[in-house]
C-alpha cells in the first residue's frame, strides 16, 4: 500500500467519523425540538431524570401561594414559590 493510499484512507475514515457525529447530533436536536413543539413561547421546560416531562409559563404561577425566608448568609429575604408546588402544578 502506497503512502498516498494510506493518506486517502485516513482522511476517508476521519470524514466518516465526523459525518457520524454530525448525524447523531442532528437526530438528537430534532428529537429535542419535537418535545418543545407543544410548549408556548416563554414556557419553562421541566425535566425528570433527564427526560422532558412538561412545561409551564410564568402566568401559571399566579395561582400558587408564595413563600419567603430570610437567607442566613446574607440576611436578605428571599421570596418565590415552593418547588414542590410548581412541580405539582
C-alpha atoms as a PDB file:
ATOM      1  CA  UNK A   1       0.000   0.000   0.000  1.00  0.00           C
ATOM      2  CA  UNK A   2       1.488   3.311  -1.026  1.00  0.00           C
ATOM      3  CA  UNK A   3       1.762   6.397   1.149  1.00  0.00           C
ATOM      4  CA  UNK A   4      -0.818   8.231  -0.981  1.00  0.00           C
ATOM      5  CA  UNK A   5      -3.379   5.421  -0.497  1.00  0.00           C
ATOM      6  CA  UNK A   6      -2.862   5.458   3.287  1.00  0.00           C
ATOM      7  CA  UNK A   7      -3.389   9.209   3.477  1.00  0.00           C
ATOM      8  CA  UNK A   8      -6.585   8.997   1.408  1.00  0.00           C
ATOM      9  CA  UNK A   9      -7.834   6.111   3.542  1.00  0.00           C
ATOM     10  CA  UNK A  10      -7.041   8.019   6.746  1.00  0.00           C
ATOM     11  CA  UNK A  11      -8.876  11.116   5.501  1.00  0.00           C
ATOM     12  CA  UNK A  12     -11.831   8.965   4.462  1.00  0.00           C
ATOM     13  CA  UNK A  13     -12.028   7.443   7.958  1.00  0.00           C
ATOM     14  CA  UNK A  14     -11.927  10.918   9.538  1.00  0.00           C
ATOM     15  CA  UNK A  15     -14.695  12.164   7.221  1.00  0.00           C
ATOM     16  CA  UNK A  16     -16.872   9.124   8.043  1.00  0.00           C
ATOM     17  CA  UNK A  17     -16.391   9.667  11.799  1.00  0.00           C
ATOM     18  CA  UNK A  18     -17.214  13.380  11.546  1.00  0.00           C
ATOM     19  CA  UNK A  19     -20.284  12.570   9.414  1.00  0.00           C
ATOM     20  CA  UNK A  20     -21.478  10.048  12.003  1.00  0.00           C
ATOM     21  CA  UNK A  21     -21.090  12.531  14.850  1.00  0.00           C
ATOM     22  CA  UNK A  22     -22.959  15.214  12.911  1.00  0.00           C
ATOM     23  CA  UNK A  23     -25.758  12.781  12.016  1.00  0.00           C
ATOM     24  CA  UNK A  24     -26.235  11.705  15.647  1.00  0.00           C
ATOM     25  CA  UNK A  25     -26.229  15.359  16.744  1.00  0.00           C
ATOM     26  CA  UNK A  26     -28.858  16.257  14.145  1.00  0.00           C
ATOM     27  CA  UNK A  27     -31.097  13.387  15.271  1.00  0.00           C
ATOM     28  CA  UNK A  28     -30.813  14.416  18.933  1.00  0.00           C
ATOM     29  CA  UNK A  29     -31.572  18.068  18.115  1.00  0.00           C
ATOM     30  CA  UNK A  30     -34.620  17.037  16.086  1.00  0.00           C
ATOM     31  CA  UNK A  31     -35.962  14.900  18.952  1.00  0.00           C
ATOM     32  CA  UNK A  32     -35.421  17.707  21.462  1.00  0.00           C
ATOM     33  CA  UNK A  33     -37.119  20.248  19.193  1.00  0.00           C
ATOM     34  CA  UNK A  34     -40.104  17.932  18.752  1.00  0.00           C
ATOM     35  CA  UNK A  35     -40.559  17.809  22.531  1.00  0.00           C
ATOM     36  CA  UNK A  36     -40.818  21.612  22.691  1.00  0.00           C
ATOM     37  CA  UNK A  37     -43.300  21.967  19.822  1.00  0.00           C
ATOM     38  CA  UNK A  38     -46.309  21.874  22.155  1.00  0.00           C
ATOM     39  CA  UNK A  39     -44.903  24.500  24.567  1.00  0.00           C
ATOM     40  CA  UNK A  40     -45.972  28.127  24.184  1.00  0.00           C
ATOM     41  CA  UNK A  41     -43.268  30.784  23.767  1.00  0.00           C
ATOM     42  CA  UNK A  42     -41.637  31.696  27.069  1.00  0.00           C
ATOM     43  CA  UNK A  43     -42.525  28.379  28.699  1.00  0.00           C
ATOM     44  CA  UNK A  44     -40.074  26.790  31.128  1.00  0.00           C
ATOM     45  CA  UNK A  45     -39.429  23.095  30.423  1.00  0.00           C
ATOM     46  CA  UNK A  46     -39.372  20.564  33.284  1.00  0.00           C
ATOM     47  CA  UNK A  47     -37.098  17.528  33.114  1.00  0.00           C
ATOM     48  CA  UNK A  48     -37.275  14.493  35.390  1.00  0.00           C
ATOM     49  CA  UNK A  49     -34.338  12.054  35.180  1.00  0.00           C
ATOM     50  CA  UNK A  50     -33.087  13.792  32.003  1.00  0.00           C
ATOM     51  CA  UNK A  51     -36.415  13.238  30.244  1.00  0.00           C
ATOM     52  CA  UNK A  52     -38.703  16.074  29.228  1.00  0.00           C
ATOM     53  CA  UNK A  53     -41.959  15.899  31.178  1.00  0.00           C
ATOM     54  CA  UNK A  54     -43.858  19.131  30.674  1.00  0.00           C
ATOM     55  CA  UNK A  55     -43.510  22.874  30.904  1.00  0.00           C
ATOM     56  CA  UNK A  56     -45.203  25.850  32.458  1.00  0.00           C
ATOM     57  CA  UNK A  57     -45.479  29.540  31.754  1.00  0.00           C
ATOM     58  CA  UNK A  58     -44.940  32.179  34.451  1.00  0.00           C
ATOM     59  CA  UNK A  59     -48.654  33.066  34.317  1.00  0.00           C
ATOM     60  CA  UNK A  60     -49.401  29.596  35.757  1.00  0.00           C
ATOM     61  CA  UNK A  61     -47.634  30.616  38.970  1.00  0.00           C
ATOM     62  CA  UNK A  62     -50.166  33.342  39.754  1.00  0.00           C
ATOM     63  CA  UNK A  63     -52.493  30.762  41.296  1.00  0.00           C
ATOM     64  CA  UNK A  64     -49.794  29.489  43.675  1.00  0.00           C
ATOM     65  CA  UNK A  65     -49.163  30.834  47.141  1.00  0.00           C
ATOM     66  CA  UNK A  66     -45.760  32.456  47.538  1.00  0.00           C
ATOM     67  CA  UNK A  67     -43.226  31.551  50.204  1.00  0.00           C
ATOM     68  CA  UNK A  68     -40.404  33.520  51.785  1.00  0.00           C
ATOM     69  CA  UNK A  69     -37.497  33.026  54.149  1.00  0.00           C
ATOM     70  CA  UNK A  70     -34.541  35.001  55.434  1.00  0.00           C
ATOM     71  CA  UNK A  71     -31.220  33.935  53.981  1.00  0.00           C
ATOM     72  CA  UNK A  72     -28.796  33.080  56.797  1.00  0.00           C
ATOM     73  CA  UNK A  73     -25.712  34.031  54.825  1.00  0.00           C
ATOM     74  CA  UNK A  74     -26.742  37.466  53.566  1.00  0.00           C
ATOM     75  CA  UNK A  75     -29.641  38.198  55.902  1.00  0.00           C
ATOM     76  CA  UNK A  76     -31.905  39.099  52.978  1.00  0.00           C
ATOM     77  CA  UNK A  77     -35.488  37.994  52.498  1.00  0.00           C
ATOM     78  CA  UNK A  78     -35.869  35.507  49.643  1.00  0.00           C
ATOM     79  CA  UNK A  79     -39.292  35.196  48.027  1.00  0.00           C
ATOM     80  CA  UNK A  80     -40.712  32.815  45.452  1.00  0.00           C
ATOM     81  CA  UNK A  81     -42.725  29.650  45.050  1.00  0.00           C
ATOM     82  CA  UNK A  82     -42.104  26.256  46.578  1.00  0.00           C
ATOM     83  CA  UNK A  83     -40.599  23.901  44.001  1.00  0.00           C
ATOM     84  CA  UNK A  84     -42.927  21.081  45.011  1.00  0.00           C
ATOM     85  CA  UNK A  85     -45.931  23.327  44.312  1.00  0.00           C
ATOM     86  CA  UNK A  86     -44.577  24.229  40.875  1.00  0.00           C
ATOM     87  CA  UNK A  87     -43.940  20.568  40.036  1.00  0.00           C
ATOM     88  CA  UNK A  88     -47.393  19.527  41.245  1.00  0.00           C
ATOM     89  CA  UNK A  89     -48.951  22.255  39.120  1.00  0.00           C
END
